[in-house]
C-alpha atoms as a PDB file:
ATOM      1  CA  MET A   1       2.098 -14.064  -9.803  1.00  0.00           C
ATOM      2  CA  SER A   2       0.755 -16.919  -7.730  1.00  0.00           C
ATOM      3  CA  LYS A   3       1.931 -17.801  -4.290  1.00  0.00           C
ATOM      4  CA  LEU A   4       3.069 -21.381  -3.788  1.00  0.00           C
ATOM      5  CA  THR A   5       1.657 -23.506  -1.006  1.00  0.00           C
ATOM      6  CA  PRO A   6       4.110 -25.357   1.240  1.00  0.00           C
ATOM      7  CA  ALA A   7       3.256 -28.580  -0.618  1.00  0.00           C
ATOM      8  CA  GLN A   8       3.972 -26.918  -3.965  1.00  0.00           C
ATOM      9  CA  GLN A   9       7.266 -25.584  -2.620  1.00  0.00           C
ATOM     10  CA  ARG A  10       8.332 -29.098  -1.610  1.00  0.00           C
ATOM     11  CA  HIS A  11       7.291 -30.401  -5.039  1.00  0.00           C
ATOM     12  CA  VAL A  12       9.238 -27.642  -6.813  1.00  0.00           C
ATOM     13  CA  LEU A  13      12.340 -28.403  -4.745  1.00  0.00           C
ATOM     14  CA  ALA A  14      12.057 -32.121  -5.436  1.00  0.00           C
ATOM     15  CA  LEU A  15      11.687 -31.597  -9.181  1.00  0.00           C
ATOM     16  CA  HIS A  16      14.504 -29.102  -9.421  1.00  0.00           C
ATOM     17  CA  THR A  17      16.997 -30.905  -7.207  1.00  0.00           C
ATOM     18  CA  ALA A  18      16.426 -34.138  -9.124  1.00  0.00           C
ATOM     19  CA  GLY A  19      18.244 -32.355 -11.950  1.00  0.00           C
ATOM     20  CA  GLU A  20      15.854 -33.485 -14.663  1.00  0.00           C
ATOM     21  CA  HIS A  21      14.020 -30.156 -15.000  1.00  0.00           C
ATOM     22  CA  THR A  22      15.153 -26.583 -15.479  1.00  0.00           C
ATOM     23  CA  SER A  23      13.713 -23.743 -13.440  1.00  0.00           C
ATOM     24  CA  GLY A  24      11.715 -22.748 -16.503  1.00  0.00           C
ATOM     25  CA  ASP A  25      10.267 -26.246 -16.870  1.00  0.00           C
ATOM     26  CA  VAL A  26       9.229 -26.362 -13.224  1.00  0.00           C
ATOM     27  CA  ALA A  27       7.752 -22.847 -13.395  1.00  0.00           C
ATOM     28  CA  GLU A  28       5.637 -23.779 -16.388  1.00  0.00           C
ATOM     29  CA  LEU A  29       4.494 -26.974 -14.696  1.00  0.00           C
ATOM     30  CA  VAL A  30       3.206 -25.226 -11.567  1.00  0.00           C
ATOM     31  CA  GLY A  31       2.057 -22.047 -13.327  1.00  0.00           C
ATOM     32  CA  VAL A  32       4.391 -19.449 -11.821  1.00  0.00           C
ATOM     33  CA  SER A  33       7.269 -17.335 -13.064  1.00  0.00           C
ATOM     34  CA  ARG A  34      10.824 -18.621 -13.213  1.00  0.00           C
ATOM     35  CA  ALA A  35      11.737 -15.939 -10.662  1.00  0.00           C
ATOM     36  CA  THR A  36       9.322 -17.527  -8.184  1.00  0.00           C
ATOM     37  CA  ILE A  37      11.077 -20.863  -8.658  1.00  0.00           C
ATOM     38  CA  GLN A  38      14.445 -19.196  -8.108  1.00  0.00           C
ATOM     39  CA  ARG A  39      13.210 -17.768  -4.794  1.00  0.00           C
ATOM     40  CA  VAL A  40      12.071 -21.187  -3.597  1.00  0.00           C
ATOM     41  CA  ARG A  41      15.459 -22.754  -4.252  1.00  0.00           C
END
């Protein structure tokens, strides 16, 4: 599992809170697990 940089974390939050992408979509986009995305939220 990769660790997200602060910039990636902000990007993940922006994508997810926009409501256009699921956690799975965002995870695939940045190359991490869905669980990692859930922790960032």
